[in-house]
Amino acid sequence: MRQVFIHAPGSGMGHVSRAIALGMALTDRGHQCHILASSQLARKHIPWDSIEPLNQKSVVAAHQFRGIRVDFLTAKISREALALQLRHFLHNFHYDFFIVDVFPRGILGEIPLLFRDLPSHIKTVWVQRLLSEAYLKHLEGSPLPNYDLSFLPGESAGRFNPCIAKQEIRTEPWITDCPTHSYKSRIASPKREHPNKILWVASGSTNESKNMFRLYQETQRVSQRSVTFDFTSPLTVGPQLKTWPLHSIFHQYDCIVGAPGYHLTHECMATRTPLVMIPMRRLYDDQVARCKLAMEKQSIHRRASPATIEKIIYEPIPTCNKAIKNTTPSGVHTAVRAFEMI
């Protein structure tokens, strides 16, 4: 049995959802998993079982999901305080693996401070995604940690690794999957050539979500088609569809509209759900590259802009590439096998 500690901060849903997907696969194989997170959105939207929090100043709440312990940090914490909190866990509990799903602050923030005296028996793992060229250039010349293993789930292109790892593994996306909300249910659902029910998904900052909501309202207002539009955002913007994971309701829709962030893009790719992508330019996350990659791998996905969205969403949905298999297993199983071989 392996003891695994995952550091998955971030304000959105992606880091925590990815950590839980991995944690579920680990616990199914008899390993133990502990996640340290900071997303207040995840605390609100994921159906947790509350448990007794640890007696730690920086930890404000503790929850459990299918046997995985998740401790939540205070919303505002300095990198020095965070490094001390992580150090407490790593030096006082018997972990075999320390997994870092941090991006982008931690690459130059708390992690270098922590690696100075990390216990030698702990294997280190970095979970990555496509980083923008501008941010990679910013990292050049910086003292970055070395990892024993690195994963790039779901993204098979791009210059992504500014750190050094002894072993690099690319896997399929890490998707949360269990009997009550299997991502495979969408794969088996009927497909329509012309969408008549569309889900708009807003994420990112509050301003980005508000802009997506305004676009949704305007498209709905001028639409002359008999199409049903729904809208959801983890933020308090617009109407809310309270569900997690989001892919558990994809089978109800013919098409999704949203920014090609990591999690939404890979949920759509794993479930073969057509995604109309409106890329946002970010300092760190390369959504333009992810958009291009998604369209190359699966022809059902399309790119749009606020100016072209009304036209794009009503176009016939292309047939998915013949080379795409009906079912792609979540990449977490590949990751767990890699852990077990170390």
Foldseek 3Di string as FASTA:
>chain_A
DAEEEEEFEDADDPSVQLQVLLQVLQVVVPYAYEYEYAHPLCVVQPPWAFDDDDPDPQFDGWTDDPRYIYTHGYNDDALVRVLVVVLCPQVPDDHQEYEYADPDCVQQGNVVVNVPCGPPRYAYEYEWEAWDPLVLVVCPPPDGDEGQEYEDECDDDHDIDSHHYVYYYYFHARGRADPVQHLLVLLPADADQFWQEEEEEFEDDPVRRQVSVVLQVVLVVPDPDNHHYHYDYSDPHPDHDRDPPPSSCLSVTNEYEYAQDPPVLSSCVQNVREYEHAHDDDNTHDSVVSLVVSCVQWVQYHYDHSVCVSVVNRHGGDHTDPPDDSHDDRRSNVVSVVVVVD
